Amino acid sequence: MFRFHSRRSTDTNNDEPIVEGHPAFRLGTILGGWLTAREQRLANWLNQAQHRISFQLRNALLGLIGLFFLLYFIALLT
């Protein structure tokens, strides 16, 4: 039998704390807060405008926004 070994160790140290001061962590926190604020603004606007916008148009808008984000993240991953 042949044994294939990686030169890298597969042991990981999961005891390391999350470094909240890291620039990537801060950027992710800022972007997450920004996206959440925009989503809440859109949701509030749609809720306030329900009497002017039919539910079908509202659902179409939400579907288009969801489709945009889906395609955007697929493009990021490829």
C-alpha atoms as a PDB file:
ATOM      1  CA  MET A   1       0.000   0.000   0.000  1.00  0.00           C
ATOM      2  CA  PHE A   2       1.141   3.476  -0.809  1.00  0.00           C
ATOM      3  CA  ARG A   3       0.608   6.271   1.649  1.00  0.00           C
ATOM      4  CA  PHE A   4       0.365   9.773   0.320  1.00  0.00           C
ATOM      5  CA  HIS A   5       1.304  12.455   2.796  1.00  0.00           C
ATOM      6  CA  SER A   6       1.055  16.161   2.428  1.00  0.00           C
ATOM      7  CA  ARG A   7       4.047  18.207   3.419  1.00  0.00           C
ATOM      8  CA  ARG A   8       1.705  20.543   5.218  1.00  0.00           C
ATOM      9  CA  SER A   9       0.269  19.554   8.517  1.00  0.00           C
ATOM     10  CA  THR A  10      -3.485  19.092   8.496  1.00  0.00           C
ATOM     11  CA  ASP A  11      -3.720  20.001  12.176  1.00  0.00           C
ATOM     12  CA  THR A  12      -5.244  23.396  12.700  1.00  0.00           C
ATOM     13  CA  ASN A  13      -5.209  25.440  15.823  1.00  0.00           C
ATOM     14  CA  ASN A  14      -8.821  26.421  16.421  1.00  0.00           C
ATOM     15  CA  ASP A  15      -8.005  27.919  19.809  1.00  0.00           C
ATOM     16  CA  GLU A  16      -6.879  31.200  18.255  1.00  0.00           C
ATOM     17  CA  PRO A  17      -9.280  34.038  19.017  1.00  0.00           C
ATOM     18  CA  ILE A  18     -10.955  35.998  16.253  1.00  0.00           C
ATOM     19  CA  VAL A  19      -8.931  39.101  15.612  1.00  0.00           C
ATOM     20  CA  GLU A  20     -11.532  41.848  15.556  1.00  0.00           C
ATOM     21  CA  GLY A  21      -8.905  44.490  14.931  1.00  0.00           C
ATOM     22  CA  HIS A  22      -7.915  42.956  11.604  1.00  0.00           C
ATOM     23  CA  PRO A  23      -8.625  45.234   8.607  1.00  0.00           C
ATOM     24  CA  ALA A  24     -10.591  42.513   6.783  1.00  0.00           C
ATOM     25  CA  PHE A  25     -12.833  41.988   9.823  1.00  0.00           C
ATOM     26  CA  ARG A  26     -13.475  45.732  10.101  1.00  0.00           C
ATOM     27  CA  LEU A  27     -14.192  45.989   6.366  1.00  0.00           C
ATOM     28  CA  GLY A  28     -16.635  43.083   6.549  1.00  0.00           C
ATOM     29  CA  THR A  29     -18.366  44.681   9.535  1.00  0.00           C
ATOM     30  CA  ILE A  30     -18.666  48.020   7.733  1.00  0.00           C
ATOM     31  CA  LEU A  31     -19.957  46.441   4.513  1.00  0.00           C
ATOM     32  CA  GLY A  32     -22.403  44.247   6.406  1.00  0.00           C
ATOM     33  CA  GLY A  33     -23.770  47.239   8.298  1.00  0.00           C
ATOM     34  CA  TRP A  34     -24.052  49.262   5.082  1.00  0.00           C
ATOM     35  CA  LEU A  35     -25.899  46.475   3.238  1.00  0.00           C
ATOM     36  CA  THR A  36     -28.226  45.933   6.192  1.00  0.00           C
ATOM     37  CA  ALA A  37     -29.033  49.651   6.357  1.00  0.00           C
ATOM     38  CA  ARG A  38     -29.801  49.752   2.625  1.00  0.00           C
ATOM     39  CA  GLU A  39     -31.997  46.662   2.902  1.00  0.00           C
ATOM     40  CA  GLN A  40     -33.921  48.215   5.790  1.00  0.00           C
ATOM     41  CA  ARG A  41     -34.377  51.486   3.879  1.00  0.00           C
ATOM     42  CA  LEU A  42     -35.741  49.587   0.876  1.00  0.00           C
ATOM     43  CA  ALA A  43     -38.044  47.497   3.062  1.00  0.00           C
ATOM     44  CA  ASN A  44     -39.349  50.594   4.863  1.00  0.00           C
ATOM     45  CA  TRP A  45     -39.934  52.384   1.561  1.00  0.00           C
ATOM     46  CA  LEU A  46     -41.800  49.394   0.139  1.00  0.00           C
ATOM     47  CA  ASN A  47     -43.918  49.079   3.277  1.00  0.00           C
ATOM     48  CA  GLN A  48     -44.813  52.774   3.197  1.00  0.00           C
ATOM     49  CA  ALA A  49     -45.638  52.671  -0.496  1.00  0.00           C
ATOM     50  CA  GLN A  50     -47.823  49.568  -0.421  1.00  0.00           C
ATOM     51  CA  HIS A  51     -50.994  51.517  -1.112  1.00  0.00           C
ATOM     52  CA  ARG A  52     -49.407  52.988  -4.269  1.00  0.00           C
ATOM     53  CA  ILE A  53     -47.545  49.901  -5.438  1.00  0.00           C
ATOM     54  CA  SER A  54     -49.388  46.671  -5.998  1.00  0.00           C
ATOM     55  CA  PHE A  55     -48.117  43.563  -4.292  1.00  0.00           C
ATOM     56  CA  GLN A  56     -47.313  42.032  -7.670  1.00  0.00           C
ATOM     57  CA  LEU A  57     -45.028  44.920  -8.634  1.00  0.00           C
ATOM     58  CA  ARG A  58     -43.428  44.898  -5.178  1.00  0.00           C
ATOM     59  CA  ASN A  59     -42.721  41.182  -5.448  1.00  0.00           C
ATOM     60  CA  ALA A  60     -41.299  41.681  -8.947  1.00  0.00           C
ATOM     61  CA  LEU A  61     -38.977  44.406  -7.642  1.00  0.00           C
ATOM     62  CA  LEU A  62     -37.816  42.200  -4.781  1.00  0.00           C
ATOM     63  CA  GLY A  63     -37.306  39.316  -7.202  1.00  0.00           C
ATOM     64  CA  LEU A  64     -35.232  41.483  -9.536  1.00  0.00           C
ATOM     65  CA  ILE A  65     -33.089  42.734  -6.666  1.00  0.00           C
ATOM     66  CA  GLY A  66     -32.596  39.169  -5.442  1.00  0.00           C
ATOM     67  CA  LEU A  67     -31.717  38.018  -8.950  1.00  0.00           C
ATOM     68  CA  PHE A  68     -29.197  40.853  -9.273  1.00  0.00           C
ATOM     69  CA  PHE A  69     -27.459  39.868  -6.037  1.00  0.00           C
ATOM     70  CA  LEU A  70     -27.515  36.188  -6.992  1.00  0.00           C
ATOM     71  CA  LEU A  71     -25.909  36.874 -10.365  1.00  0.00           C
ATOM     72  CA  TYR A  72     -23.444  39.295  -8.776  1.00  0.00           C
ATOM     73  CA  PHE A  73     -22.211  36.748  -6.243  1.00  0.00           C
ATOM     74  CA  ILE A  74     -22.052  34.007  -8.884  1.00  0.00           C
ATOM     75  CA  ALA A  75     -19.898  36.330 -10.993  1.00  0.00           C
ATOM     76  CA  LEU A  76     -17.658  36.944  -7.973  1.00  0.00           C
ATOM     77  CA  LEU A  77     -17.155  33.239  -7.425  1.00  0.00           C
ATOM     78  CA  THR A  78     -16.281  32.432 -11.044  1.00  0.00           C
END
